[in-house]
């Protein structure tokens, strides 16, 4: 999974989906306006509670240069780091379920989130990057039924690009934090592979 950190606004990013982190407070006051400004269907908010880890999907008319799919990721009250971790993990999991290759996170409010959760922007970016990887993890090396999969299902290898968008003034901090988080996420998933692999597949060549 490669990482891209950009000052470009999330709404202008070309990706398979854009993740919008939404708190319960924002759901009541700002979410409908946000979706309207993005040209998205506000009906997705009907059953969306914005609790930590809650996910909803909204669609919008978009050109080939921007994403038409929005993942609304709930962060609860948005005042705890754990709530953002749960939201990012759920977004990663949903992206894999939908077989999305490029996932963008709208991080335009990262300074505000960091202040609310009493966390530095770089540390929060690290948590988001690691959590997306954790949620996107799948172990199906020995899973039966592979021959029954469609060609697209066999071709899909997981999220291949994670984009942190709207970083602007926090660009350097987010880039440093996200890179650190990517390393942590990779190591966590490598450890999960070791746990899931049978003993006869734990040779140096197999692990590599």
Protein backbone atom coordinates (compact mmCIF):
# COMPACT_ATOMS: atom_id res chain seq x y z
CA UNK A 1 0.00 0.00 0.00
CA UNK A 2 1.62 3.25 -1.08
CA UNK A 3 1.04 6.54 0.69
CA UNK A 4 0.25 9.95 -0.82
CA UNK A 5 -0.05 13.12 1.27
CA UNK A 6 -1.40 16.19 -0.53
CA UNK A 7 -2.76 19.68 0.20
CA UNK A 8 -5.47 19.14 -2.43
CA UNK A 9 -9.01 19.16 -1.09
CA UNK A 10 -10.61 15.76 -0.65
CA UNK A 11 -13.46 16.61 -3.00
CA UNK A 12 -11.04 17.11 -5.88
CA UNK A 13 -9.05 13.91 -5.36
CA UNK A 14 -9.29 11.06 -7.84
CA UNK A 15 -9.81 7.89 -5.79
CA UNK A 16 -12.26 5.02 -5.52
CA UNK A 17 -13.68 6.52 -2.33
CA UNK A 18 -13.25 9.56 -0.09
CA UNK A 19 -13.57 9.06 3.67
CA UNK A 20 -15.29 11.84 5.61
CA UNK A 21 -14.84 11.60 9.39
CA UNK A 22 -18.02 12.85 11.08
CA UNK A 23 -18.77 13.30 14.78
CA UNK A 24 -22.21 13.07 16.38
CA UNK A 25 -22.21 16.85 16.81
CA UNK A 26 -21.31 17.43 13.16
CA UNK A 27 -23.98 14.96 12.10
CA UNK A 28 -26.65 17.16 13.64
CA UNK A 29 -25.30 20.52 12.52
CA UNK A 30 -23.03 20.23 9.49
CA UNK A 31 -23.19 16.85 7.75
CA UNK A 32 -26.17 17.62 5.52
CA UNK A 33 -24.56 20.87 4.35
CA UNK A 34 -21.25 19.10 3.75
CA UNK A 35 -22.85 16.47 1.53
CA UNK A 36 -24.87 19.11 -0.29
CA UNK A 37 -21.71 21.10 -1.04
CA UNK A 38 -20.11 17.95 -2.41
CA UNK A 39 -23.17 17.25 -4.54
CA UNK A 40 -23.88 14.02 -2.68
CA UNK A 41 -27.10 12.25 -1.77
CA UNK A 42 -28.09 13.28 1.76
CA UNK A 43 -30.25 10.19 2.16
CA UNK A 44 -27.20 8.33 3.45
CA UNK A 45 -27.54 10.25 6.71
CA UNK A 46 -30.91 8.71 7.48
CA UNK A 47 -29.56 5.61 9.24
CA UNK A 48 -26.08 6.96 10.02
CA UNK A 49 -25.50 7.47 13.75
CA UNK A 50 -21.86 8.66 13.58
CA UNK A 51 -20.88 6.43 16.49
CA UNK A 52 -17.21 5.42 16.46
CA UNK A 53 -16.73 2.89 13.65
CA UNK A 54 -20.14 3.48 12.07
CA UNK A 55 -19.96 3.55 8.25
CA UNK A 56 -22.40 4.80 5.62
CA UNK A 57 -22.00 5.32 1.88
CA UNK A 58 -23.12 8.36 -0.09
CA UNK A 59 -22.82 8.89 -3.83
CA UNK A 60 -22.45 12.01 -5.90
CA UNK A 61 -22.24 12.92 -9.54
CA UNK A 62 -18.56 13.36 -10.32
CA UNK A 63 -16.26 13.66 -13.28
CA UNK A 64 -13.66 11.03 -14.04
CA UNK A 65 -11.14 13.16 -12.14
CA UNK A 66 -12.90 12.96 -8.77
CA UNK A 67 -14.51 10.26 -6.68
CA UNK A 68 -18.23 9.59 -6.78
CA UNK A 69 -18.25 7.43 -3.64
CA UNK A 70 -18.09 8.90 -0.13
CA UNK A 71 -17.56 6.80 2.97
CA UNK A 72 -18.99 8.50 6.04
CA UNK A 73 -16.99 7.31 9.03
CA UNK A 74 -18.35 8.05 12.49
CA UNK A 75 -15.97 9.20 15.23
CA UNK A 76 -18.49 9.46 18.07
CA UNK A 77 -17.86 12.60 20.12
CA UNK A 78 -14.52 13.00 18.35
CA UNK A 79 -12.66 13.74 21.57
CA UNK A 80 -10.74 10.48 21.91
CA UNK A 81 -7.96 9.08 19.73
CA UNK A 82 -9.55 5.64 19.95
CA UNK A 83 -12.66 6.92 18.17
CA UNK A 84 -10.60 8.02 15.17
CA UNK A 85 -8.75 4.70 15.18
CA UNK A 86 -12.04 2.79 15.09
CA UNK A 87 -13.34 4.98 12.26
CA UNK A 88 -10.21 4.54 10.13
CA UNK A 89 -10.13 0.80 10.76
CA UNK A 90 -13.79 0.49 9.74
CA UNK A 91 -13.11 2.54 6.60
CA UNK A 92 -10.23 0.26 5.64
CA UNK A 93 -12.37 -2.81 6.19
CA UNK A 94 -15.23 -1.39 4.12
CA UNK A 95 -12.86 -0.41 1.31
CA UNK A 96 -11.66 -4.00 1.02
CA UNK A 97 -15.23 -5.32 1.16
CA UNK A 98 -16.05 -3.00 -1.76
CA UNK A 99 -12.77 -3.93 -3.53
CA UNK A 100 -11.54 -0.35 -3.70
CA UNK A 101 -7.97 0.15 -4.87
CA UNK A 102 -7.45 3.82 -3.91
CA UNK A 103 -8.80 5.23 -0.65
CA UNK A 104 -8.58 8.93 0.27
CA UNK A 105 -9.04 10.41 3.74
CA UNK A 106 -10.28 13.99 4.06
CA UNK A 107 -7.86 15.40 6.66
CA UNK A 108 -8.73 19.08 6.28
CA UNK A 109 -9.78 19.24 9.96
CA UNK A 110 -6.88 17.25 11.38
CA UNK A 111 -5.66 20.17 13.52
CA UNK A 112 -9.12 20.44 15.09
CA UNK A 113 -9.33 16.67 15.64
CA UNK A 114 -5.90 16.66 17.26
CA UNK A 115 -6.90 19.44 19.63
CA UNK A 116 -10.17 17.74 20.56
CA UNK A 117 -8.49 14.38 21.19
CA UNK A 118 -5.48 15.95 22.97
CA UNK A 119 -3.10 14.49 20.41
CA UNK A 120 -0.53 16.01 18.05
CA UNK A 121 -1.44 16.03 14.33
CA UNK A 122 1.47 13.77 13.39
CA UNK A 123 0.54 11.21 16.05
CA UNK A 124 -3.09 11.24 14.91
CA UNK A 125 -2.01 10.78 11.27
CA UNK A 126 0.08 7.79 12.33
CA UNK A 127 -2.93 6.26 14.06
CA UNK A 128 -5.15 6.78 11.01
CA UNK A 129 -2.63 5.23 8.61
CA UNK A 130 -2.00 2.22 10.82
CA UNK A 131 -5.71 1.70 11.48
CA UNK A 132 -6.63 1.70 7.78
CA UNK A 133 -4.02 -1.00 7.15
CA UNK A 134 -5.24 -2.99 10.14
CA UNK A 135 -8.85 -2.85 8.92
CA UNK A 136 -7.83 -3.75 5.38
CA UNK A 137 -6.01 -6.90 6.46
CA UNK A 138 -7.20 -10.21 5.04
CA UNK A 139 -5.65 -13.65 5.35
CA UNK A 140 -7.01 -15.96 2.67
CA UNK A 141 -3.89 -17.76 1.51
CA UNK A 142 -5.42 -21.16 2.24
CA UNK A 143 -9.07 -20.19 1.85
CA UNK A 144 -11.14 -22.67 -0.14
CA UNK A 145 -13.35 -21.61 -3.03
CA UNK A 146 -10.73 -19.52 -4.82
CA UNK A 147 -11.67 -21.14 -8.11
CA UNK A 148 -15.24 -19.93 -7.64
CA UNK A 149 -14.17 -16.28 -7.53
CA UNK A 150 -14.77 -14.01 -10.49
CA UNK A 151 -11.84 -12.65 -12.46
CA UNK A 152 -12.19 -9.25 -10.75
CA UNK A 153 -12.22 -10.88 -7.31
CA UNK A 154 -9.06 -12.83 -8.09
CA UNK A 155 -7.41 -9.70 -9.48
CA UNK A 156 -8.12 -7.54 -6.40
CA UNK A 157 -5.14 -7.52 -4.03
CA UNK A 158 -6.37 -4.98 -1.50
CA UNK A 159 -6.00 -1.22 -1.13
CA UNK A 160 -2.96 -0.19 -3.17
CA UNK A 161 -2.99 3.55 -2.39
CA UNK A 162 -3.91 5.53 0.72
CA UNK A 163 -4.25 9.29 0.22
CA UNK A 164 -4.25 11.89 3.00
CA UNK A 165 -6.00 14.87 1.39
CA UNK A 166 -6.61 18.47 2.46
CA UNK A 167 -3.49 18.56 4.64
CA UNK A 168 -2.46 22.13 3.71
CA UNK A 169 -0.65 23.76 6.70
CA UNK A 170 -0.28 20.41 8.46
CA UNK A 171 1.31 18.75 5.42
CA UNK A 172 4.76 18.10 6.91
CA UNK A 173 3.40 16.81 10.23
CA UNK A 174 0.84 14.57 8.57
CA UNK A 175 3.38 13.20 6.11
CA UNK A 176 5.81 12.32 8.90
CA UNK A 177 3.11 10.78 11.04
CA UNK A 178 1.43 8.88 8.23
CA UNK A 179 4.73 7.38 7.10
CA UNK A 180 5.40 6.19 10.64
CA UNK A 181 1.88 4.78 10.84
CA UNK A 182 2.32 2.90 7.58
CA UNK A 183 5.38 1.16 9.02
CA UNK A 184 3.53 0.26 12.21
CA UNK A 185 0.54 -1.03 10.24
CA UNK A 186 2.75 -3.13 7.98
CA UNK A 187 4.52 -4.67 10.97
CA UNK A 188 1.21 -5.40 12.73
CA UNK A 189 -0.14 -7.19 9.68
CA UNK A 190 3.12 -9.10 9.20
CA UNK A 191 2.78 -10.32 12.79
CA UNK A 192 -0.80 -11.39 12.08
CA UNK A 193 0.47 -13.38 9.10
CA UNK A 194 2.90 -15.21 11.39
CA UNK A 195 0.08 -16.09 13.77
CA UNK A 196 -2.17 -17.32 10.96
CA UNK A 197 0.44 -19.31 9.04
CA UNK A 198 0.84 -23.00 9.94
CA UNK A 199 4.23 -24.03 11.30
CA UNK A 200 5.36 -25.72 8.10
CA UNK A 201 5.07 -22.37 6.29
CA UNK A 202 7.28 -20.45 8.70
CA UNK A 203 10.58 -20.94 6.91
CA UNK A 204 12.63 -17.84 6.09
CA UNK A 205 11.69 -18.14 2.41
CA UNK A 206 7.96 -18.43 3.14
CA UNK A 207 8.01 -15.48 5.53
CA UNK A 208 9.90 -13.35 3.01
